[in-house]
Amino acid sequence: GVLAERRTPAAAIVATTLVAIVLTLTGSLATLAQTV
């Protein structure tokens, strides 16, 4: 889905932001960085 006025992928932005927030609550900086 695209935000009609801004023409940005709003749904994808919300989803990826929420996942990133969850990840900050479940791991340390070192743990999150090791597999990248």
PDB file of all heavy atoms in Angstrom:
ATOM      1  N   GLY A   1       0.806  -1.214   0.000  1.00  0.00           N
ATOM      2  CA  GLY A   1       0.000   0.000   0.000  1.00  0.00           C
ATOM      3  C   GLY A   1       0.841   1.266   0.000  1.00  0.00           C
ATOM      4  O   GLY A   1       1.914   1.325   0.598  1.00  0.00           O
ATOM      5  N   VAL A   2       0.360   2.283  -0.713  1.00  0.00           N
ATOM      6  CA  VAL A   2       1.059   3.568  -0.825  1.00  0.00           C
ATOM      7  C   VAL A   2       0.184   4.664  -0.237  1.00  0.00           C
ATOM      8  O   VAL A   2      -1.015   4.714  -0.497  1.00  0.00           O
ATOM      9  CB  VAL A   2       1.402   3.887  -2.296  1.00  0.00           C
ATOM     10  CG1 VAL A   2       1.999   5.281  -2.439  1.00  0.00           C
ATOM     11  CG2 VAL A   2       2.361   2.843  -2.852  1.00  0.00           C
ATOM     12  N   LEU A   3       0.770   5.534   0.558  1.00  0.00           N
ATOM     13  CA  LEU A   3       0.062   6.685   1.101  1.00  0.00           C
ATOM     14  C   LEU A   3      -0.273   7.626  -0.051  1.00  0.00           C
ATOM     15  O   LEU A   3       0.627   8.115  -0.743  1.00  0.00           O
ATOM     16  CB  LEU A   3       0.936   7.388   2.141  1.00  0.00           C
ATOM     17  CG  LEU A   3       0.270   8.405   3.070  1.00  0.00           C
ATOM     18  CD1 LEU A   3      -0.784   7.732   3.942  1.00  0.00           C
ATOM     19  CD2 LEU A   3       1.312   9.082   3.952  1.00  0.00           C
ATOM     20  N   ALA A   4      -1.562   7.849  -0.287  1.00  0.00           N
ATOM     21  CA  ALA A   4      -2.010   8.543  -1.494  1.00  0.00           C
ATOM     22  C   ALA A   4      -1.389   9.931  -1.640  1.00  0.00           C
ATOM     23  O   ALA A   4      -0.910  10.306  -2.709  1.00  0.00           O
ATOM     24  CB  ALA A   4      -3.532   8.640  -1.501  1.00  0.00           C
ATOM     25  N   GLU A   5      -1.393  10.712  -0.571  1.00  0.00           N
ATOM     26  CA  GLU A   5      -0.915  12.090  -0.658  1.00  0.00           C
ATOM     27  C   GLU A   5       0.603  12.152  -0.787  1.00  0.00           C
ATOM     28  O   GLU A   5       1.151  12.875  -1.616  1.00  0.00           O
ATOM     29  CB  GLU A   5      -1.373  12.878   0.569  1.00  0.00           C
ATOM     30  CG  GLU A   5      -0.963  14.346   0.537  1.00  0.00           C
ATOM     31  CD  GLU A   5      -1.454  15.107   1.750  1.00  0.00           C
ATOM     32  OE1 GLU A   5      -2.250  14.549   2.537  1.00  0.00           O
ATOM     33  OE2 GLU A   5      -1.036  16.264   1.922  1.00  0.00           O
ATOM     34  N   ARG A   6       1.298  11.387   0.033  1.00  0.00           N
ATOM     35  CA  ARG A   6       2.762  11.433   0.056  1.00  0.00           C
ATOM     36  C   ARG A   6       3.409  10.476  -0.937  1.00  0.00           C
ATOM     37  O   ARG A   6       4.582  10.613  -1.268  1.00  0.00           O
ATOM     38  CB  ARG A   6       3.254  11.098   1.475  1.00  0.00           C
ATOM     39  CG  ARG A   6       2.990  12.203   2.478  1.00  0.00           C
ATOM     40  CD  ARG A   6       3.916  13.356   2.235  1.00  0.00           C
ATOM     41  NE  ARG A   6       3.576  14.525   3.043  1.00  0.00           N
ATOM     42  CZ  ARG A   6       4.238  15.671   2.980  1.00  0.00           C
ATOM     43  NH1 ARG A   6       5.250  15.800   2.147  1.00  0.00           N
ATOM     44  NH2 ARG A   6       3.877  16.685   3.725  1.00  0.00           N
ATOM     45  N   ARG A   7       2.646   9.463  -1.383  1.00  0.00           N
ATOM     46  CA  ARG A   7       3.150   8.432  -2.297  1.00  0.00           C
ATOM     47  C   ARG A   7       4.397   7.758  -1.735  1.00  0.00           C
ATOM     48  O   ARG A   7       5.406   7.587  -2.410  1.00  0.00           O
ATOM     49  CB  ARG A   7       3.394   9.040  -3.680  1.00  0.00           C
ATOM     50  CG  ARG A   7       2.099   9.414  -4.392  1.00  0.00           C
ATOM     51  CD  ARG A   7       2.312  10.225  -5.634  1.00  0.00           C
ATOM     52  NE  ARG A   7       3.038   9.480  -6.658  1.00  0.00           N
ATOM     53  CZ  ARG A   7       3.403  10.021  -7.822  1.00  0.00           C
ATOM     54  NH1 ARG A   7       3.134  11.288  -8.074  1.00  0.00           N
ATOM     55  NH2 ARG A   7       4.051   9.289  -8.711  1.00  0.00           N
ATOM     56  N   THR A   8       4.305   7.407  -0.480  1.00  0.00           N
ATOM     57  CA  THR A   8       5.343   6.619   0.187  1.00  0.00           C
ATOM     58  C   THR A   8       4.720   5.309   0.647  1.00  0.00           C
ATOM     59  O   THR A   8       3.513   5.246   0.912  1.00  0.00           O
ATOM     60  CB  THR A   8       5.931   7.365   1.407  1.00  0.00           C
ATOM     61  OG1 THR A   8       4.857   7.775   2.273  1.00  0.00           O
ATOM     62  CG2 THR A   8       6.710   8.594   0.965  1.00  0.00           C
ATOM     63  N   PRO A   9       5.520   4.227   0.765  1.00  0.00           N
ATOM     64  CA  PRO A   9       4.973   2.909   1.150  1.00  0.00           C
ATOM     65  C   PRO A   9       4.656   2.851   2.641  1.00  0.00           C
ATOM     66  O   PRO A   9       5.382   2.259   3.439  1.00  0.00           O
ATOM     67  CB  PRO A   9       6.101   1.953   0.762  1.00  0.00           C
ATOM     68  CG  PRO A   9       7.338   2.766   0.869  1.00  0.00           C
ATOM     69  CD  PRO A   9       6.959   4.155   0.459  1.00  0.00           C
ATOM     70  N   ALA A  10       3.541   3.464   3.020  1.00  0.00           N
ATOM     71  CA  ALA A  10       3.221   3.682   4.429  1.00  0.00           C
ATOM     72  C   ALA A  10       3.108   2.383   5.216  1.00  0.00           C
ATOM     73  O   ALA A  10       3.627   2.273   6.343  1.00  0.00           O
ATOM     74  CB  ALA A  10       1.927   4.484   4.546  1.00  0.00           C
ATOM     75  N   ALA A  11       2.401   1.386   4.660  1.00  0.00           N
ATOM     76  CA  ALA A  11       2.210   0.130   5.392  1.00  0.00           C
ATOM     77  C   ALA A  11       3.539  -0.557   5.658  1.00  0.00           C
ATOM     78  O   ALA A  11       3.788  -1.078   6.752  1.00  0.00           O
ATOM     79  CB  ALA A  11       1.285  -0.792   4.605  1.00  0.00           C
ATOM     80  N   ALA A  12       4.415  -0.567   4.661  1.00  0.00           N
ATOM     81  CA  ALA A  12       5.731  -1.189   4.830  1.00  0.00           C
ATOM     82  C   ALA A  12       6.575  -0.429   5.849  1.00  0.00           C
ATOM     83  O   ALA A  12       7.333  -1.033   6.615  1.00  0.00           O
ATOM     84  CB  ALA A  12       6.453  -1.242   3.487  1.00  0.00           C
ATOM     85  N   ILE A  13       6.439   0.898   5.871  1.00  0.00           N
ATOM     86  CA  ILE A  13       7.183   1.707   6.840  1.00  0.00           C
ATOM     87  C   ILE A  13       6.741   1.374   8.264  1.00  0.00           C
ATOM     88  O   ILE A  13       7.564   1.178   9.164  1.00  0.00           O
ATOM     89  CB  ILE A  13       6.999   3.201   6.552  1.00  0.00           C
ATOM     90  CG1 ILE A  13       7.736   3.575   5.255  1.00  0.00           C
ATOM     91  CG2 ILE A  13       7.511   4.059   7.714  1.00  0.00           C
ATOM     92  CD1 ILE A  13       7.425   4.971   4.750  1.00  0.00           C
ATOM     93  N   VAL A  14       5.434   1.282   8.470  1.00  0.00           N
ATOM     94  CA  VAL A  14       4.911   0.950   9.810  1.00  0.00           C
ATOM     95  C   VAL A  14       5.386  -0.435  10.233  1.00  0.00           C
ATOM     96  O   VAL A  14       5.851  -0.635  11.362  1.00  0.00           O
ATOM     97  CB  VAL A  14       3.368   1.023   9.812  1.00  0.00           C
ATOM     98  CG1 VAL A  14       2.815   0.464  11.123  1.00  0.00           C
ATOM     99  CG2 VAL A  14       2.903   2.464   9.617  1.00  0.00           C
ATOM    100  N   ALA A  15       5.292  -1.399   9.332  1.00  0.00           N
ATOM    101  CA  ALA A  15       5.656  -2.777   9.669  1.00  0.00           C
ATOM    102  C   ALA A  15       7.142  -2.899  10.013  1.00  0.00           C
ATOM    103  O   ALA A  15       7.505  -3.512  11.029  1.00  0.00           O
ATOM    104  CB  ALA A  15       5.307  -3.712   8.513  1.00  0.00           C
ATOM    105  N   THR A  16       8.007  -2.339   9.183  1.00  0.00           N
ATOM    106  CA  THR A  16       9.446  -2.462   9.445  1.00  0.00           C
ATOM    107  C   THR A  16       9.853  -1.703  10.708  1.00  0.00           C
ATOM    108  O   THR A  16      10.737  -2.157  11.444  1.00  0.00           O
ATOM    109  CB  THR A  16      10.264  -1.960   8.242  1.00  0.00           C
ATOM    110  OG1 THR A  16       9.828  -0.646   7.865  1.00  0.00           O
ATOM    111  CG2 THR A  16      10.097  -2.896   7.055  1.00  0.00           C
ATOM    112  N   THR A  17       9.196  -0.579  10.965  1.00  0.00           N
ATOM    113  CA  THR A  17       9.504   0.175  12.191  1.00  0.00           C
ATOM    114  C   THR A  17       9.105  -0.619  13.424  1.00  0.00           C
ATOM    115  O   THR A  17       9.854  -0.671  14.412  1.00  0.00           O
ATOM    116  CB  THR A  17       8.786   1.537  12.176  1.00  0.00           C
ATOM    117  OG1 THR A  17       9.213   2.292  11.038  1.00  0.00           O
ATOM    118  CG2 THR A  17       9.102   2.332  13.440  1.00  0.00           C
ATOM    119  N   LEU A  18       7.931  -1.251  13.383  1.00  0.00           N
ATOM    120  CA  LEU A  18       7.477  -2.051  14.525  1.00  0.00           C
ATOM    121  C   LEU A  18       8.414  -3.238  14.786  1.00  0.00           C
ATOM    122  O   LEU A  18       8.732  -3.550  15.931  1.00  0.00           O
ATOM    123  CB  LEU A  18       6.052  -2.538  14.289  1.00  0.00           C
ATOM    124  CG  LEU A  18       4.952  -1.475  14.378  1.00  0.00           C
ATOM    125  CD1 LEU A  18       3.603  -2.078  14.000  1.00  0.00           C
ATOM    126  CD2 LEU A  18       4.894  -0.867  15.785  1.00  0.00           C
ATOM    127  N   VAL A  19       8.853  -3.898  13.713  1.00  0.00           N
ATOM    128  CA  VAL A  19       9.776  -5.030  13.878  1.00  0.00           C
ATOM    129  C   VAL A  19      11.088  -4.562  14.486  1.00  0.00           C
ATOM    130  O   VAL A  19      11.648  -5.204  15.375  1.00  0.00           O
ATOM    131  CB  VAL A  19      10.015  -5.737  12.528  1.00  0.00           C
ATOM    132  CG1 VAL A  19      11.117  -6.776  12.661  1.00  0.00           C
ATOM    133  CG2 VAL A  19       8.724  -6.394  12.046  1.00  0.00           C
ATOM    134  N   ALA A  20      11.597  -3.420  14.011  1.00  0.00           N
ATOM    135  CA  ALA A  20      12.839  -2.884  14.566  1.00  0.00           C
ATOM    136  C   ALA A  20      12.689  -2.558  16.046  1.00  0.00           C
ATOM    137  O   ALA A  20      13.599  -2.817  16.848  1.00  0.00           O
ATOM    138  CB  ALA A  20      13.270  -1.639  13.785  1.00  0.00           C
ATOM    139  N   ILE A  21      11.541  -2.015  16.414  1.00  0.00           N
ATOM    140  CA  ILE A  21      11.292  -1.701  17.828  1.00  0.00           C
ATOM    141  C   ILE A  21      11.306  -2.976  18.664  1.00  0.00           C
ATOM    142  O   ILE A  21      11.913  -3.019  19.747  1.00  0.00           O
ATOM    143  CB  ILE A  21       9.952  -0.953  17.984  1.00  0.00           C
ATOM    144  CG1 ILE A  21      10.080   0.477  17.439  1.00  0.00           C
ATOM    145  CG2 ILE A  21       9.510  -0.921  19.447  1.00  0.00           C
ATOM    146  CD1 ILE A  21       8.769   1.232  17.385  1.00  0.00           C
ATOM    147  N   VAL A  22      10.650  -4.018  18.185  1.00  0.00           N
ATOM    148  CA  VAL A  22      10.641  -5.294  18.907  1.00  0.00           C
ATOM    149  C   VAL A  22      12.056  -5.833  19.063  1.00  0.00           C
ATOM    150  O   VAL A  22      12.452  -6.321  20.132  1.00  0.00           O
ATOM    151  CB  VAL A  22       9.744  -6.314  18.184  1.00  0.00           C
ATOM    152  CG1 VAL A  22       9.904  -7.700  18.796  1.00  0.00           C
ATOM    153  CG2 VAL A  22       8.287  -5.876  18.257  1.00  0.00           C
ATOM    154  N   LEU A  23      12.855  -5.747  18.007  1.00  0.00           N
ATOM    155  CA  LEU A  23      14.228  -6.256  18.066  1.00  0.00           C
ATOM    156  C   LEU A  23      15.068  -5.519  19.101  1.00  0.00           C
ATOM    157  O   LEU A  23      15.927  -6.119  19.747  1.00  0.00           O
ATOM    158  CB  LEU A  23      14.877  -6.155  16.687  1.00  0.00           C
ATOM    159  CG  LEU A  23      14.411  -7.176  15.651  1.00  0.00           C
ATOM    160  CD1 LEU A  23      14.950  -6.828  14.272  1.00  0.00           C
ATOM    161  CD2 LEU A  23      14.846  -8.585  16.050  1.00  0.00           C
ATOM    162  N   THR A  24      14.828  -4.231  19.279  1.00  0.00           N
ATOM    163  CA  THR A  24      15.596  -3.492  20.296  1.00  0.00           C
ATOM    164  C   THR A  24      15.293  -3.993  21.705  1.00  0.00           C
ATOM    165  O   THR A  24      16.118  -3.844  22.608  1.00  0.00           O
ATOM    166  CB  THR A  24      15.299  -1.983  20.241  1.00  0.00           C
ATOM    167  OG1 THR A  24      13.923  -1.744  20.580  1.00  0.00           O
ATOM    168  CG2 THR A  24      15.608  -1.405  18.877  1.00  0.00           C
ATOM    169  N   LEU A  25      14.121  -4.603  21.875  1.00  0.00           N
ATOM    170  CA  LEU A  25      13.716  -5.100  23.190  1.00  0.00           C
ATOM    171  C   LEU A  25      14.190  -6.524  23.446  1.00  0.00           C
ATOM    172  O   LEU A  25      14.048  -7.033  24.551  1.00  0.00           O
ATOM    173  CB  LEU A  25      12.189  -5.049  23.326  1.00  0.00           C
ATOM    174  CG  LEU A  25      11.539  -3.674  23.139  1.00  0.00           C
ATOM    175  CD1 LEU A  25      10.022  -3.802  23.172  1.00  0.00           C
ATOM    176  CD2 LEU A  25      12.015  -2.697  24.203  1.00  0.00           C
ATOM    177  N   THR A  26      14.742  -7.158  22.425  1.00  0.00           N
ATOM    178  CA  THR A  26      15.068  -8.579  22.557  1.00  0.00           C
ATOM    179  C   THR A  26      16.545  -8.904  22.381  1.00  0.00           C
ATOM    180  O   THR A  26      16.909 -10.082  22.447  1.00  0.00           O
ATOM    181  CB  THR A  26      14.268  -9.401  21.533  1.00  0.00           C
ATOM    182  OG1 THR A  26      14.577  -8.932  20.214  1.00  0.00           O
ATOM    183  CG2 THR A  26      12.775  -9.275  21.771  1.00  0.00           C
ATOM    184  N   GLY A  27      17.382  -7.921  22.129  1.00  0.00           N
ATOM    185  CA  GLY A  27      18.794  -8.224  21.922  1.00  0.00           C
ATOM    186  C   GLY A  27      19.692  -7.032  22.178  1.00  0.00           C
ATOM    187  O   GLY A  27      19.239  -5.881  22.167  1.00  0.00           O
ATOM    188  N   SER A  28      20.966  -7.325  22.414  1.00  0.00           N
ATOM    189  CA  SER A  28      21.963  -6.270  22.607  1.00  0.00           C
ATOM    190  C   SER A  28      22.477  -5.807  21.253  1.00  0.00           C
ATOM    191  O   SER A  28      22.211  -6.419  20.215  1.00  0.00           O
ATOM    192  CB  SER A  28      23.126  -6.808  23.442  1.00  0.00           C
ATOM    193  OG  SER A  28      23.827  -7.804  22.705  1.00  0.00           O
ATOM    194  N   LEU A  29      23.217  -4.720  21.265  1.00  0.00           N
ATOM    195  CA  LEU A  29      23.803  -4.205  20.040  1.00  0.00           C
ATOM    196  C   LEU A  29      24.698  -5.250  19.377  1.00  0.00           C
ATOM    197  O   LEU A  29      24.629  -5.467  18.166  1.00  0.00           O
ATOM    198  CB  LEU A  29      24.605  -2.933  20.343  1.00  0.00           C
ATOM    199  CG  LEU A  29      25.418  -2.344  19.197  1.00  0.00           C
ATOM    200  CD1 LEU A  29      24.528  -2.004  18.022  1.00  0.00           C
ATOM    201  CD2 LEU A  29      26.190  -1.121  19.673  1.00  0.00           C
ATOM    202  N   ALA A  30      25.527  -5.932  20.175  1.00  0.00           N
ATOM    203  CA  ALA A  30      26.431  -6.944  19.613  1.00  0.00           C
ATOM    204  C   ALA A  30      25.644  -8.089  18.985  1.00  0.00           C
ATOM    205  O   ALA A  30      25.955  -8.549  17.884  1.00  0.00           O
ATOM    206  CB  ALA A  30      27.357  -7.470  20.696  1.00  0.00           C
ATOM    207  N   THR A  31      24.596  -8.558  19.673  1.00  0.00           N
ATOM    208  CA  THR A  31      23.787  -9.668  19.153  1.00  0.00           C
ATOM    209  C   THR A  31      23.102  -9.297  17.848  1.00  0.00           C
ATOM    210  O   THR A  31      23.056 -10.088  16.895  1.00  0.00           O
ATOM    211  CB  THR A  31      22.727 -10.075  20.195  1.00  0.00           C
ATOM    212  OG1 THR A  31      23.382 -10.456  21.405  1.00  0.00           O
ATOM    213  CG2 THR A  31      21.879 -11.221  19.692  1.00  0.00           C
ATOM    214  N   LEU A  32      22.590  -8.071  17.791  1.00  0.00           N
ATOM    215  CA  LEU A  32      21.868  -7.642  16.598  1.00  0.00           C
ATOM    216  C   LEU A  32      22.796  -7.445  15.404  1.00  0.00           C
ATOM    217  O   LEU A  32      22.390  -7.611  14.248  1.00  0.00           O
ATOM    218  CB  LEU A  32      21.122  -6.335  16.892  1.00  0.00           C
ATOM    219  CG  LEU A  32      19.985  -6.429  17.920  1.00  0.00           C
ATOM    220  CD1 LEU A  32      19.468  -5.053  18.261  1.00  0.00           C
ATOM    221  CD2 LEU A  32      18.869  -7.316  17.401  1.00  0.00           C
ATOM    222  N   ALA A  33      24.046  -7.094  15.667  1.00  0.00           N
ATOM    223  CA  ALA A  33      24.968  -6.757  14.582  1.00  0.00           C
ATOM    224  C   ALA A  33      25.706  -7.956  13.993  1.00  0.00           C
ATOM    225  O   ALA A  33      26.173  -7.894  12.856  1.00  0.00           O
ATOM    226  CB  ALA A  33      25.984  -5.733  15.082  1.00  0.00           C
ATOM    227  N   GLN A  34      25.812  -9.052  14.734  1.00  0.00           N
ATOM    228  CA  GLN A  34      26.709 -10.146  14.346  1.00  0.00           C
ATOM    229  C   GLN A  34      26.342 -10.840  13.042  1.00  0.00           C
ATOM    230  O   GLN A  34      27.204 -11.323  12.315  1.00  0.00           O
ATOM    231  CB  GLN A  34      26.791 -11.186  15.471  1.00  0.00           C
ATOM    232  CG  GLN A  34      27.657 -10.745  16.628  1.00  0.00           C
ATOM    233  CD  GLN A  34      27.612 -11.728  17.789  1.00  0.00           C
ATOM    234  OE1 GLN A  34      26.689 -12.533  17.889  1.00  0.00           O
ATOM    235  NE2 GLN A  34      28.594 -11.662  18.644  1.00  0.00           N
ATOM    236  N   THR A  35      25.056 -10.920  12.729  1.00  0.00           N
ATOM    237  CA  THR A  35      24.650 -11.683  11.541  1.00  0.00           C
ATOM    238  C   THR A  35      24.497 -10.840  10.278  1.00  0.00           C
ATOM    239  O   THR A  35      24.280 -11.386   9.196  1.00  0.00           O
ATOM    240  CB  THR A  35      23.302 -12.386  11.800  1.00  0.00           C
ATOM    241  OG1 THR A  35      22.323 -11.394  12.097  1.00  0.00           O
ATOM    242  CG2 THR A  35      23.403 -13.362  12.937  1.00  0.00           C
ATOM    243  N   VAL A  36      24.589  -9.510  10.422  1.00  0.00           N
ATOM    244  CA  VAL A  36      24.292  -8.632   9.290  1.00  0.00           C
ATOM    245  C   VAL A  36      25.208  -8.897   8.093  1.00  0.00           C
ATOM    246  O   VAL A  36      24.744  -9.065   6.961  1.00  0.00           O
ATOM    247  CB  VAL A  36      24.369  -7.153   9.714  1.00  0.00           C
ATOM    248  CG1 VAL A  36      24.258  -6.231   8.507  1.00  0.00           C
ATOM    249  CG2 VAL A  36      23.264  -6.837  10.718  1.00  0.00           C
TER     250      VAL A  36
END
